């Protein structure tokens, strides 16, 4: 018997969510404006609502690692977008041993 699992995320930008799902290799369909059903990848069967940031599933994914498969590419895209708005250029990307991403930037904030 399955149960509904719901997680609140910071994934609130529809366009960045689409890019993040593509970067993570997730197949998805947009079932209504800003609401996505993930149909492939580590979060297969999950639903993402970008108006609330809520990801829900019938136990289709487990733990932080599966959520990070989408959160991490989204966070990188969001950081790059915010840097660009502030006139800061991302010079380099480094993936740390623990999987975190460090962006090296230059420019005036």
C-alpha atoms as a PDB file:
ATOM      1  CA  UNK A   1       0.000   0.000   0.000  1.00  0.00           C
ATOM      2  CA  UNK A   2       1.384   3.368  -0.970  1.00  0.00           C
ATOM      3  CA  UNK A   3       1.007   6.685   0.759  1.00  0.00           C
ATOM      4  CA  UNK A   4       1.238  10.254  -0.508  1.00  0.00           C
ATOM      5  CA  UNK A   5       4.595  11.943   0.093  1.00  0.00           C
ATOM      6  CA  UNK A   6       4.747  15.746  -0.116  1.00  0.00           C
ATOM      7  CA  UNK A   7       7.839  17.940   0.047  1.00  0.00           C
ATOM      8  CA  UNK A   8       8.049  21.732  -0.107  1.00  0.00           C
ATOM      9  CA  UNK A   9      10.882  23.056  -2.267  1.00  0.00           C
ATOM     10  CA  UNK A  10      12.030  26.453  -3.501  1.00  0.00           C
ATOM     11  CA  UNK A  11      11.254  25.504  -7.105  1.00  0.00           C
ATOM     12  CA  UNK A  12       8.910  28.357  -8.003  1.00  0.00           C
ATOM     13  CA  UNK A  13      10.085  29.540 -11.436  1.00  0.00           C
ATOM     14  CA  UNK A  14       8.390  27.605 -14.216  1.00  0.00           C
ATOM     15  CA  UNK A  15      11.016  28.237 -16.904  1.00  0.00           C
ATOM     16  CA  UNK A  16      13.922  27.354 -14.628  1.00  0.00           C
ATOM     17  CA  UNK A  17      12.066  24.222 -13.503  1.00  0.00           C
ATOM     18  CA  UNK A  18      11.745  23.128 -17.137  1.00  0.00           C
ATOM     19  CA  UNK A  19      15.481  23.700 -17.700  1.00  0.00           C
ATOM     20  CA  UNK A  20      16.351  21.872 -14.465  1.00  0.00           C
ATOM     21  CA  UNK A  21      14.237  18.842 -15.415  1.00  0.00           C
ATOM     22  CA  UNK A  22      15.882  18.769 -18.843  1.00  0.00           C
ATOM     23  CA  UNK A  23      19.372  19.106 -17.306  1.00  0.00           C
ATOM     24  CA  UNK A  24      18.584  16.288 -14.844  1.00  0.00           C
ATOM     25  CA  UNK A  25      17.400  14.066 -17.695  1.00  0.00           C
ATOM     26  CA  UNK A  26      13.816  13.846 -16.415  1.00  0.00           C
ATOM     27  CA  UNK A  27      10.985  13.191 -18.818  1.00  0.00           C
ATOM     28  CA  UNK A  28       7.912  15.254 -17.925  1.00  0.00           C
ATOM     29  CA  UNK A  29       4.648  16.646 -19.168  1.00  0.00           C
ATOM     30  CA  UNK A  30       3.039  19.927 -18.186  1.00  0.00           C
ATOM     31  CA  UNK A  31      -0.453  18.990 -17.028  1.00  0.00           C
ATOM     32  CA  UNK A  32      -1.517  22.583 -16.359  1.00  0.00           C
ATOM     33  CA  UNK A  33       0.211  25.953 -16.196  1.00  0.00           C
ATOM     34  CA  UNK A  34       3.331  25.397 -14.074  1.00  0.00           C
ATOM     35  CA  UNK A  35       2.270  21.925 -12.875  1.00  0.00           C
ATOM     36  CA  UNK A  36       4.399  19.063 -14.145  1.00  0.00           C
ATOM     37  CA  UNK A  37       4.074  15.305 -13.989  1.00  0.00           C
ATOM     38  CA  UNK A  38       7.543  13.743 -14.011  1.00  0.00           C
ATOM     39  CA  UNK A  39       7.460  10.601 -16.134  1.00  0.00           C
ATOM     40  CA  UNK A  40      11.091   9.529 -16.105  1.00  0.00           C
ATOM     41  CA  UNK A  41      14.213   9.715 -13.991  1.00  0.00           C
ATOM     42  CA  UNK A  42      14.751   9.363 -10.245  1.00  0.00           C
ATOM     43  CA  UNK A  43      11.465  11.116  -9.487  1.00  0.00           C
ATOM     44  CA  UNK A  44       9.265   9.166 -11.890  1.00  0.00           C
ATOM     45  CA  UNK A  45       5.609   9.582 -10.949  1.00  0.00           C
ATOM     46  CA  UNK A  46       6.085  12.793  -8.947  1.00  0.00           C
ATOM     47  CA  UNK A  47       4.115  15.988  -9.520  1.00  0.00           C
ATOM     48  CA  UNK A  48       5.740  19.425  -9.242  1.00  0.00           C
ATOM     49  CA  UNK A  49       3.610  22.540  -8.749  1.00  0.00           C
ATOM     50  CA  UNK A  50       5.738  25.640  -9.359  1.00  0.00           C
ATOM     51  CA  UNK A  51       3.092  27.948  -7.884  1.00  0.00           C
ATOM     52  CA  UNK A  52       3.662  26.375  -4.459  1.00  0.00           C
ATOM     53  CA  UNK A  53       7.024  24.619  -4.845  1.00  0.00           C
ATOM     54  CA  UNK A  54       5.405  21.376  -3.706  1.00  0.00           C
ATOM     55  CA  UNK A  55       6.549  18.019  -5.080  1.00  0.00           C
ATOM     56  CA  UNK A  56       4.243  15.121  -4.325  1.00  0.00           C
ATOM     57  CA  UNK A  57       4.223  11.430  -5.150  1.00  0.00           C
ATOM     58  CA  UNK A  58       2.817   8.092  -4.083  1.00  0.00           C
ATOM     59  CA  UNK A  59       6.120   7.029  -2.492  1.00  0.00           C
ATOM     60  CA  UNK A  60       7.700   7.211  -5.933  1.00  0.00           C
ATOM     61  CA  UNK A  61      10.914   8.701  -4.612  1.00  0.00           C
ATOM     62  CA  UNK A  62      12.705   8.363  -1.333  1.00  0.00           C
ATOM     63  CA  UNK A  63      14.980  10.710   0.525  1.00  0.00           C
ATOM     64  CA  UNK A  64      16.957  13.844  -0.023  1.00  0.00           C
ATOM     65  CA  UNK A  65      19.182  12.355  -2.729  1.00  0.00           C
ATOM     66  CA  UNK A  66      16.256  11.898  -5.114  1.00  0.00           C
ATOM     67  CA  UNK A  67      14.990  15.420  -4.410  1.00  0.00           C
ATOM     68  CA  UNK A  68      18.494  16.806  -4.940  1.00  0.00           C
ATOM     69  CA  UNK A  69      18.468  15.370  -8.448  1.00  0.00           C
ATOM     70  CA  UNK A  70      16.077  18.232  -9.267  1.00  0.00           C
ATOM     71  CA  UNK A  71      16.856  20.781  -6.538  1.00  0.00           C
ATOM     72  CA  UNK A  72      20.547  21.022  -7.415  1.00  0.00           C
ATOM     73  CA  UNK A  73      20.210  21.845 -11.132  1.00  0.00           C
ATOM     74  CA  UNK A  74      17.391  24.272 -10.276  1.00  0.00           C
ATOM     75  CA  UNK A  75      19.518  26.035  -7.638  1.00  0.00           C
ATOM     76  CA  UNK A  76      22.411  26.356 -10.088  1.00  0.00           C
ATOM     77  CA  UNK A  77      20.168  27.867 -12.760  1.00  0.00           C
ATOM     78  CA  UNK A  78      18.633  30.259 -10.228  1.00  0.00           C
ATOM     79  CA  UNK A  79      22.094  31.368  -9.009  1.00  0.00           C
ATOM     80  CA  UNK A  80      23.240  31.944 -12.589  1.00  0.00           C
ATOM     81  CA  UNK A  81      20.107  33.968 -13.347  1.00  0.00           C
ATOM     82  CA  UNK A  82      20.511  36.125 -10.212  1.00  0.00           C
ATOM     83  CA  UNK A  83      24.200  36.682 -11.008  1.00  0.00           C
ATOM     84  CA  UNK A  84      23.340  37.812 -14.528  1.00  0.00           C
ATOM     85  CA  UNK A  85      20.705  40.256 -13.230  1.00  0.00           C
ATOM     86  CA  UNK A  86      23.330  41.762 -10.893  1.00  0.00           C
ATOM     87  CA  UNK A  87      25.918  42.056 -13.655  1.00  0.00           C
ATOM     88  CA  UNK A  88      28.060  39.273 -12.226  1.00  0.00           C
ATOM     89  CA  UNK A  89      29.658  36.832 -14.640  1.00  0.00           C
ATOM     90  CA  UNK A  90      29.956  33.140 -13.779  1.00  0.00           C
ATOM     91  CA  UNK A  91      33.527  32.271 -14.750  1.00  0.00           C
ATOM     92  CA  UNK A  92      33.739  28.633 -13.725  1.00  0.00           C
ATOM     93  CA  UNK A  93      31.786  25.747 -12.237  1.00  0.00           C
ATOM     94  CA  UNK A  94      33.344  23.267  -9.837  1.00  0.00           C
ATOM     95  CA  UNK A  95      31.664  20.070  -8.646  1.00  0.00           C
ATOM     96  CA  UNK A  96      32.899  19.308  -5.125  1.00  0.00           C
ATOM     97  CA  UNK A  97      33.668  15.806  -3.852  1.00  0.00           C
ATOM     98  CA  UNK A  98      30.328  15.669  -1.999  1.00  0.00           C
ATOM     99  CA  UNK A  99      28.407  16.594  -5.165  1.00  0.00           C
ATOM    100  CA  UNK A 100      27.752  20.230  -4.285  1.00  0.00           C
ATOM    101  CA  UNK A 101      28.373  22.824  -6.982  1.00  0.00           C
ATOM    102  CA  UNK A 102      30.526  25.915  -6.538  1.00  0.00           C
ATOM    103  CA  UNK A 103      30.229  28.742  -9.049  1.00  0.00           C
ATOM    104  CA  UNK A 104      33.190  31.121  -9.347  1.00  0.00           C
ATOM    105  CA  UNK A 105      32.064  34.602 -10.308  1.00  0.00           C
ATOM    106  CA  UNK A 106      33.536  37.986 -11.159  1.00  0.00           C
ATOM    107  CA  UNK A 107      32.082  41.439 -11.503  1.00  0.00           C
ATOM    108  CA  UNK A 108      30.624  44.146  -9.320  1.00  0.00           C
ATOM    109  CA  UNK A 109      27.595  43.218  -7.236  1.00  0.00           C
END
